Amino acid sequence: MRGQRIEPGEVEAILTESNAVRGAAVVIDNAGRLVAHLVPAPGAADTCVALASARARERLTSAMQPELWAVHDEFPRTPGGK
């Protein structure tokens, strides 16, 4: 992506370093954009995107920074909890 190898797990690890983020999933959408899906920590729904975005700017190259951000109450789980 953007001429660089992107490791979604590496981006997710950086985003979840923020105390405002309980969970993160990073995917590339059909338009080729990096999208970060976040589950905020309790009480951090209003600030999780701003804090995760700031963390991404500090720790990731511009090619690895998500272009779009989505906040979810929870991530979907399989019946087995995965």
PDB file of N, CA and C in Angstrom:
ATOM      1  N   MET A   1       0.848  -1.172   0.000  1.00  0.00           N
ATOM      2  CA  MET A   1       0.000   0.000   0.000  1.00  0.00           C
ATOM      3  C   MET A   1       0.893   1.234   0.000  1.00  0.00           C
ATOM      4  N   ARG A   2       0.582   2.163  -0.882  1.00  0.00           N
ATOM      5  CA  ARG A   2       1.391   3.381  -1.001  1.00  0.00           C
ATOM      6  C   ARG A   2       2.872   3.053  -1.187  1.00  0.00           C
ATOM      7  N   GLY A   3       3.133   1.924  -1.830  1.00  0.00           N
ATOM      8  CA  GLY A   3       4.499   1.516  -2.092  1.00  0.00           C
ATOM      9  C   GLY A   3       5.223   0.893  -0.919  1.00  0.00           C
ATOM     10  N   GLN A   4       4.516   0.660   0.175  1.00  0.00           N
ATOM     11  CA  GLN A   4       5.141   0.072   1.357  1.00  0.00           C
ATOM     12  C   GLN A   4       4.333  -1.132   1.831  1.00  0.00           C
ATOM     13  N   ARG A   5       5.043  -2.049   2.464  1.00  0.00           N
ATOM     14  CA  ARG A   5       4.379  -3.211   3.064  1.00  0.00           C
ATOM     15  C   ARG A   5       3.710  -2.751   4.361  1.00  0.00           C
ATOM     16  N   ILE A   6       2.444  -3.065   4.501  1.00  0.00           N
ATOM     17  CA  ILE A   6       1.681  -2.685   5.681  1.00  0.00           C
ATOM     18  C   ILE A   6       1.360  -3.946   6.472  1.00  0.00           C
ATOM     19  N   GLU A   7       1.692  -3.933   7.741  1.00  0.00           N
ATOM     20  CA  GLU A   7       1.358  -5.028   8.646  1.00  0.00           C
ATOM     21  C   GLU A   7       0.223  -4.551   9.559  1.00  0.00           C
ATOM     22  N   PRO A   8      -1.019  -4.947   9.283  1.00  0.00           N
ATOM     23  CA  PRO A   8      -2.137  -4.475  10.110  1.00  0.00           C
ATOM     24  C   PRO A   8      -1.931  -4.735  11.598  1.00  0.00           C
ATOM     25  N   GLY A   9      -1.346  -5.876  11.948  1.00  0.00           N
ATOM     26  CA  GLY A   9      -1.116  -6.196  13.359  1.00  0.00           C
ATOM     27  C   GLY A   9      -0.193  -5.199  14.037  1.00  0.00           C
ATOM     28  N   GLU A  10       0.792  -4.708  13.301  1.00  0.00           N
ATOM     29  CA  GLU A  10       1.700  -3.705  13.858  1.00  0.00           C
ATOM     30  C   GLU A  10       0.964  -2.392  14.119  1.00  0.00           C
ATOM     31  N   VAL A  11       0.110  -1.993  13.180  1.00  0.00           N
ATOM     32  CA  VAL A  11      -0.678  -0.773  13.351  1.00  0.00           C
ATOM     33  C   VAL A  11      -1.634  -0.945  14.531  1.00  0.00           C
ATOM     34  N   GLU A  12      -2.291  -2.090  14.622  1.00  0.00           N
ATOM     35  CA  GLU A  12      -3.216  -2.359  15.734  1.00  0.00           C
ATOM     36  C   GLU A  12      -2.502  -2.286  17.078  1.00  0.00           C
ATOM     37  N   ALA A  13      -1.309  -2.834  17.155  1.00  0.00           N
ATOM     38  CA  ALA A  13      -0.542  -2.809  18.409  1.00  0.00           C
ATOM     39  C   ALA A  13      -0.241  -1.385  18.847  1.00  0.00           C
ATOM     40  N   ILE A  14       0.109  -0.540  17.907  1.00  0.00           N
ATOM     41  CA  ILE A  14       0.400   0.868  18.239  1.00  0.00           C
ATOM     42  C   ILE A  14      -0.872   1.567  18.709  1.00  0.00           C
ATOM     43  N   LEU A  15      -1.981   1.341  18.020  1.00  0.00           N
ATOM     44  CA  LEU A  15      -3.237   2.010  18.387  1.00  0.00           C
ATOM     45  C   LEU A  15      -3.722   1.592  19.765  1.00  0.00           C
ATOM     46  N   THR A  16      -3.530   0.333  20.121  1.00  0.00           N
ATOM     47  CA  THR A  16      -4.019  -0.128  21.423  1.00  0.00           C
ATOM     48  C   THR A  16      -3.081   0.249  22.567  1.00  0.00           C
ATOM     49  N   GLU A  17      -1.955   0.880  22.265  1.00  0.00           N
ATOM     50  CA  GLU A  17      -1.096   1.401  23.329  1.00  0.00           C
ATOM     51  C   GLU A  17      -1.774   2.560  24.056  1.00  0.00           C
ATOM     52  N   SER A  18      -2.696   3.217  23.376  1.00  0.00           N
ATOM     53  CA  SER A  18      -3.428   4.320  23.987  1.00  0.00           C
ATOM     54  C   SER A  18      -4.394   3.774  25.034  1.00  0.00           C
ATOM     55  N   ASN A  19      -4.440   4.403  26.187  1.00  0.00           N
ATOM     56  CA  ASN A  19      -5.363   3.987  27.247  1.00  0.00           C
ATOM     57  C   ASN A  19      -6.820   4.157  26.850  1.00  0.00           C
ATOM     58  N   ALA A  20      -7.075   4.945  25.811  1.00  0.00           N
ATOM     59  CA  ALA A  20      -8.438   5.200  25.371  1.00  0.00           C
ATOM     60  C   ALA A  20      -8.970   4.106  24.454  1.00  0.00           C
ATOM     61  N   VAL A  21      -8.100   3.186  24.009  1.00  0.00           N
ATOM     62  CA  VAL A  21      -8.501   2.158  23.051  1.00  0.00           C
ATOM     63  C   VAL A  21      -8.412   0.781  23.694  1.00  0.00           C
ATOM     64  N   ARG A  22      -9.541   0.087  23.727  1.00  0.00           N
ATOM     65  CA  ARG A  22      -9.584  -1.265  24.288  1.00  0.00           C
ATOM     66  C   ARG A  22      -9.290  -2.308  23.224  1.00  0.00           C
ATOM     67  N   GLY A  23      -9.679  -2.021  21.983  1.00  0.00           N
ATOM     68  CA  GLY A  23      -9.443  -2.959  20.892  1.00  0.00           C
ATOM     69  C   GLY A  23      -9.307  -2.228  19.571  1.00  0.00           C
ATOM     70  N   ALA A  24      -8.523  -2.800  18.658  1.00  0.00           N
ATOM     71  CA  ALA A  24      -8.343  -2.191  17.339  1.00  0.00           C
ATOM     72  C   ALA A  24      -8.245  -3.277  16.289  1.00  0.00           C
ATOM     73  N   ALA A  25      -8.829  -3.015  15.136  1.00  0.00           N
ATOM     74  CA  ALA A  25      -8.709  -3.887  13.969  1.00  0.00           C
ATOM     75  C   ALA A  25      -8.454  -2.978  12.778  1.00  0.00           C
ATOM     76  N   VAL A  26      -7.421  -3.280  12.028  1.00  0.00           N
ATOM     77  CA  VAL A  26      -7.044  -2.449  10.885  1.00  0.00           C
ATOM     78  C   VAL A  26      -7.207  -3.279   9.616  1.00  0.00           C
ATOM     79  N   VAL A  27      -7.906  -2.710   8.629  1.00  0.00           N
ATOM     80  CA  VAL A  27      -8.150  -3.387   7.358  1.00  0.00           C
ATOM     81  C   VAL A  27      -7.929  -2.401   6.211  1.00  0.00           C
ATOM     82  N   ILE A  28      -7.788  -2.959   5.017  1.00  0.00           N
ATOM     83  CA  ILE A  28      -7.727  -2.135   3.811  1.00  0.00           C
ATOM     84  C   ILE A  28      -9.073  -2.290   3.111  1.00  0.00           C
ATOM     85  N   ASP A  29      -9.739  -1.163   2.857  1.00  0.00           N
ATOM     86  CA  ASP A  29     -11.068  -1.237   2.243  1.00  0.00           C
ATOM     87  C   ASP A  29     -10.956  -1.412   0.726  1.00  0.00           C
ATOM     88  N   ASN A  30     -12.098  -1.504   0.053  1.00  0.00           N
ATOM     89  CA  ASN A  30     -12.133  -1.733  -1.395  1.00  0.00           C
ATOM     90  C   ASN A  30     -11.516  -0.598  -2.190  1.00  0.00           C
ATOM     91  N   ALA A  31     -11.427   0.583  -1.607  1.00  0.00           N
ATOM     92  CA  ALA A  31     -10.821   1.734  -2.284  1.00  0.00           C
ATOM     93  C   ALA A  31      -9.317   1.815  -2.012  1.00  0.00           C
ATOM     94  N   GLY A  32      -8.783   0.851  -1.268  1.00  0.00           N
ATOM     95  CA  GLY A  32      -7.354   0.827  -0.979  1.00  0.00           C
ATOM     96  C   GLY A  32      -6.931   1.724   0.162  1.00  0.00           C
ATOM     97  N   ARG A  33      -7.874   2.093   1.012  1.00  0.00           N
ATOM     98  CA  ARG A  33      -7.561   2.947   2.168  1.00  0.00           C
ATOM     99  C   ARG A  33      -7.399   2.098   3.421  1.00  0.00           C
ATOM    100  N   LEU A  34      -6.502   2.548   4.281  1.00  0.00           N
ATOM    101  CA  LEU A  34      -6.298   1.884   5.565  1.00  0.00           C
ATOM    102  C   LEU A  34      -7.361   2.402   6.536  1.00  0.00           C
ATOM    103  N   VAL A  35      -8.136   1.480   7.102  1.00  0.00           N
ATOM    104  CA  VAL A  35      -9.245   1.837   7.990  1.00  0.00           C
ATOM    105  C   VAL A  35      -8.996   1.222   9.359  1.00  0.00           C
ATOM    106  N   ALA A  36      -9.079   2.056  10.396  1.00  0.00           N
ATOM    107  CA  ALA A  36      -8.922   1.588  11.776  1.00  0.00           C
ATOM    108  C   ALA A  36     -10.297   1.505  12.419  1.00  0.00           C
ATOM    109  N   HIS A  37     -10.638   0.334  12.907  1.00  0.00           N
ATOM    110  CA  HIS A  37     -11.875   0.110  13.652  1.00  0.00           C
ATOM    111  C   HIS A  37     -11.476   0.013  15.122  1.00  0.00           C
ATOM    112  N   LEU A  38     -12.063   0.855  15.953  1.00  0.00           N
ATOM    113  CA  LEU A  38     -11.677   0.933  17.361  1.00  0.00           C
ATOM    114  C   LEU A  38     -12.841   0.608  18.283  1.00  0.00           C
ATOM    115  N   VAL A  39     -12.508  -0.029  19.401  1.00  0.00           N
ATOM    116  CA  VAL A  39     -13.439  -0.197  20.516  1.00  0.00           C
ATOM    117  C   VAL A  39     -12.846   0.634  21.648  1.00  0.00           C
ATOM    118  N   PRO A  40     -13.548   1.691  22.064  1.00  0.00           N
ATOM    119  CA  PRO A  40     -12.986   2.559  23.105  1.00  0.00           C
ATOM    120  C   PRO A  40     -12.995   1.910  24.482  1.00  0.00           C
ATOM    121  N   ALA A  41     -12.064   2.341  25.298  1.00  0.00           N
ATOM    122  CA  ALA A  41     -12.055   1.945  26.704  1.00  0.00           C
ATOM    123  C   ALA A  41     -13.255   2.597  27.383  1.00  0.00           C
ATOM    124  N   PRO A  42     -13.724   2.052  28.493  1.00  0.00           N
ATOM    125  CA  PRO A  42     -14.856   2.662  29.191  1.00  0.00           C
ATOM    126  C   PRO A  42     -14.601   4.145  29.479  1.00  0.00           C
ATOM    127  N   GLY A  43     -15.571   4.957  29.106  1.00  0.00           N
ATOM    128  CA  GLY A  43     -15.482   6.397  29.348  1.00  0.00           C
ATOM    129  C   GLY A  43     -14.644   7.160  28.349  1.00  0.00           C
ATOM    130  N   ALA A  44     -14.129   6.501  27.310  1.00  0.00           N
ATOM    131  CA  ALA A  44     -13.239   7.178  26.359  1.00  0.00           C
ATOM    132  C   ALA A  44     -13.816   7.258  24.950  1.00  0.00           C
ATOM    133  N   ALA A  45     -15.114   7.044  24.802  1.00  0.00           N
ATOM    134  CA  ALA A  45     -15.727   7.039  23.471  1.00  0.00           C
ATOM    135  C   ALA A  45     -15.524   8.364  22.740  1.00  0.00           C
ATOM    136  N   ASP A  46     -15.548   9.470  23.464  1.00  0.00           N
ATOM    137  CA  ASP A  46     -15.419  10.782  22.836  1.00  0.00           C
ATOM    138  C   ASP A  46     -13.993  11.113  22.433  1.00  0.00           C
ATOM    139  N   THR A  47     -13.010  10.471  23.034  1.00  0.00           N
ATOM    140  CA  THR A  47     -11.620  10.843  22.789  1.00  0.00           C
ATOM    141  C   THR A  47     -10.779   9.757  22.132  1.00  0.00           C
ATOM    142  N   CYS A  48     -11.319   8.565  21.934  1.00  0.00           N
ATOM    143  CA  CYS A  48     -10.476   7.455  21.477  1.00  0.00           C
ATOM    144  C   CYS A  48      -9.892   7.698  20.090  1.00  0.00           C
ATOM    145  N   VAL A  49     -10.646   8.255  19.152  1.00  0.00           N
ATOM    146  CA  VAL A  49     -10.106   8.491  17.814  1.00  0.00           C
ATOM    147  C   VAL A  49      -9.006   9.546  17.860  1.00  0.00           C
ATOM    148  N   ALA A  50      -9.230  10.620  18.578  1.00  0.00           N
ATOM    149  CA  ALA A  50      -8.223  11.683  18.659  1.00  0.00           C
ATOM    150  C   ALA A  50      -6.936  11.162  19.293  1.00  0.00           C
ATOM    151  N   LEU A  51      -7.056  10.396  20.362  1.00  0.00           N
ATOM    152  CA  LEU A  51      -5.862   9.886  21.035  1.00  0.00           C
ATOM    153  C   LEU A  51      -5.159   8.809  20.210  1.00  0.00           C
ATOM    154  N   ALA A  52      -5.921   7.925  19.572  1.00  0.00           N
ATOM    155  CA  ALA A  52      -5.311   6.887  18.732  1.00  0.00           C
ATOM    156  C   ALA A  52      -4.653   7.509  17.504  1.00  0.00           C
ATOM    157  N   SER A  53      -5.288   8.518  16.942  1.00  0.00           N
ATOM    158  CA  SER A  53      -4.711   9.206  15.786  1.00  0.00           C
ATOM    159  C   SER A  53      -3.406   9.902  16.156  1.00  0.00           C
ATOM    160  N   ALA A  54      -3.383  10.523  17.315  1.00  0.00           N
ATOM    161  CA  ALA A  54      -2.152  11.178  17.781  1.00  0.00           C
ATOM    162  C   ALA A  54      -1.047  10.142  17.987  1.00  0.00           C
ATOM    163  N   ARG A  55      -1.393   8.993  18.546  1.00  0.00           N
ATOM    164  CA  ARG A  55      -0.416   7.916  18.746  1.00  0.00           C
ATOM    165  C   ARG A  55       0.112   7.440  17.395  1.00  0.00           C
ATOM    166  N   ALA A  56      -0.776   7.290  16.414  1.00  0.00           N
ATOM    167  CA  ALA A  56      -0.367   6.842  15.079  1.00  0.00           C
ATOM    168  C   ALA A  56       0.604   7.840  14.447  1.00  0.00           C
ATOM    169  N   ARG A  57       0.328   9.131  14.583  1.00  0.00           N
ATOM    170  CA  ARG A  57       1.227  10.154  14.018  1.00  0.00           C
ATOM    171  C   ARG A  57       2.593  10.133  14.686  1.00  0.00           C
ATOM    172  N   GLU A  58       2.629   9.829  15.989  1.00  0.00           N
ATOM    173  CA  GLU A  58       3.897   9.782  16.722  1.00  0.00           C
ATOM    174  C   GLU A  58       4.732   8.561  16.359  1.00  0.00           C
ATOM    175  N   ARG A  59       4.088   7.412  16.170  1.00  0.00           N
ATOM    176  CA  ARG A  59       4.812   6.140  16.106  1.00  0.00           C
ATOM    177  C   ARG A  59       4.852   5.460  14.744  1.00  0.00           C
ATOM    178  N   LEU A  60       4.022   5.890  13.799  1.00  0.00           N
ATOM    179  CA  LEU A  60       3.945   5.203  12.506  1.00  0.00           C
ATOM    180  C   LEU A  60       4.345   6.110  11.357  1.00  0.00           C
ATOM    181  N   THR A  61       4.878   5.507  10.303  1.00  0.00           N
ATOM    182  CA  THR A  61       5.160   6.280   9.103  1.00  0.00           C
ATOM    183  C   THR A  61       3.838   6.745   8.508  1.00  0.00           C
ATOM    184  N   SER A  62       3.892   7.736   7.658  1.00  0.00           N
ATOM    185  CA  SER A  62       2.654   8.267   7.074  1.00  0.00           C
ATOM    186  C   SER A  62       1.915   7.200   6.268  1.00  0.00           C
ATOM    187  N   ALA A  63       2.643   6.279   5.640  1.00  0.00           N
ATOM    188  CA  ALA A  63       2.001   5.216   4.856  1.00  0.00           C
ATOM    189  C   ALA A  63       1.231   4.243   5.734  1.00  0.00           C
ATOM    190  N   MET A  64       1.596   4.141   7.010  1.00  0.00           N
ATOM    191  CA  MET A  64       0.939   3.191   7.916  1.00  0.00           C
ATOM    192  C   MET A  64      -0.154   3.832   8.761  1.00  0.00           C
ATOM    193  N   GLN A  65      -0.397   5.120   8.570  1.00  0.00           N
ATOM    194  CA  GLN A  65      -1.424   5.803   9.357  1.00  0.00           C
ATOM    195  C   GLN A  65      -2.796   5.617   8.708  1.00  0.00           C
ATOM    196  N   PRO A  66      -3.778   5.182   9.476  1.00  0.00           N
ATOM    197  CA  PRO A  66      -5.122   4.998   8.907  1.00  0.00           C
ATOM    198  C   PRO A  66      -5.678   6.296   8.329  1.00  0.00           C
ATOM    199  N   GLU A  67      -6.419   6.130   7.244  1.00  0.00           N
ATOM    200  CA  GLU A  67      -7.092   7.268   6.617  1.00  0.00           C
ATOM    201  C   GLU A  67      -8.498   7.455   7.165  1.00  0.00           C
ATOM    202  N   LEU A  68      -9.122   6.361   7.537  1.00  0.00           N
ATOM    203  CA  LEU A  68     -10.487   6.402   8.058  1.00  0.00           C
ATOM    204  C   LEU A  68     -10.521   5.748   9.426  1.00  0.00           C
ATOM    205  N   TRP A  69     -11.437   6.238  10.265  1.00  0.00           N
ATOM    206  CA  TRP A  69     -11.568   5.738  11.638  1.00  0.00           C
ATOM    207  C   TRP A  69     -13.025   5.419  11.895  1.00  0.00           C
ATOM    208  N   ALA A  70     -13.273   4.289  12.541  1.00  0.00           N
ATOM    209  CA  ALA A  70     -14.634   3.901  12.915  1.00  0.00           C
ATOM    210  C   ALA A  70     -14.609   3.444  14.366  1.00  0.00           C
ATOM    211  N   VAL A  71     -15.631   3.833  15.110  1.00  0.00           N
ATOM    212  CA  VAL A  71     -15.729   3.459  16.525  1.00  0.00           C
ATOM    213  C   VAL A  71     -16.910   2.514  16.686  1.00  0.00           C
ATOM    214  N   HIS A  72     -16.688   1.426  17.414  1.00  0.00           N
ATOM    215  CA  HIS A  72     -17.703   0.403  17.642  1.00  0.00           C
ATOM    216  C   HIS A  72     -17.834   0.141  19.141  1.00  0.00           C
ATOM    217  N   ASP A  73     -19.032  -0.237  19.559  1.00  0.00           N
ATOM    218  CA  ASP A  73     -19.226  -0.610  20.961  1.00  0.00           C
ATOM    219  C   ASP A  73     -18.450  -1.887  21.271  1.00  0.00           C
ATOM    220  N   GLU A  74     -18.516  -2.849  20.376  1.00  0.00           N
ATOM    221  CA  GLU A  74     -17.818  -4.136  20.495  1.00  0.00           C
ATOM    222  C   GLU A  74     -17.517  -4.627  19.093  1.00  0.00           C
ATOM    223  N   PHE A  75     -16.557  -5.544  18.973  1.00  0.00           N
ATOM    224  CA  PHE A  75     -16.327  -6.209  17.701  1.00  0.00           C
ATOM    225  C   PHE A  75     -17.208  -7.444  17.660  1.00  0.00           C
ATOM    226  N   PRO A  76     -17.665  -7.834  16.466  1.00  0.00           N
ATOM    227  CA  PRO A  76     -18.444  -9.073  16.365  1.00  0.00           C
ATOM    228  C   PRO A  76     -17.594 -10.267  16.784  1.00  0.00           C
ATOM    229  N   ARG A  77     -18.205 -11.233  17.393  1.00  0.00           N
ATOM    230  CA  ARG A  77     -17.515 -12.447  17.834  1.00  0.00           C
ATOM    231  C   ARG A  77     -18.219 -13.672  17.277  1.00  0.00           C
ATOM    232  N   THR A  78     -17.444 -14.704  17.090  1.00  0.00           N
ATOM    233  CA  THR A  78     -18.024 -15.982  16.700  1.00  0.00           C
ATOM    234  C   THR A  78     -18.672 -16.609  17.928  1.00  0.00           C
ATOM    235  N   PRO A  79     -19.484 -17.642  17.772  1.00  0.00           N
ATOM    236  CA  PRO A  79     -20.052 -18.299  18.949  1.00  0.00           C
ATOM    237  C   PRO A  79     -18.982 -18.801  19.927  1.00  0.00           C
ATOM    238  N   GLY A  80     -17.791 -19.082  19.420  1.00  0.00           N
ATOM    239  CA  GLY A  80     -16.698 -19.539  20.272  1.00  0.00           C
ATOM    240  C   GLY A  80     -15.945 -18.397  20.958  1.00  0.00           C
ATOM    241  N   GLY A  81     -16.363 -17.142  20.684  1.00  0.00           N
ATOM    242  CA  GLY A  81     -15.732 -15.999  21.335  1.00  0.00           C
ATOM    243  C   GLY A  81     -14.531 -15.418  20.629  1.00  0.00           C
ATOM    244  N   LYS A  82     -14.263 -15.882  19.430  1.00  0.00           N
ATOM    245  CA  LYS A  82     -13.110 -15.367  18.681  1.00  0.00           C
ATOM    246  C   LYS A  82     -13.493 -14.210  17.815  1.00  0.00           C
TER     247      LYS A  82
END
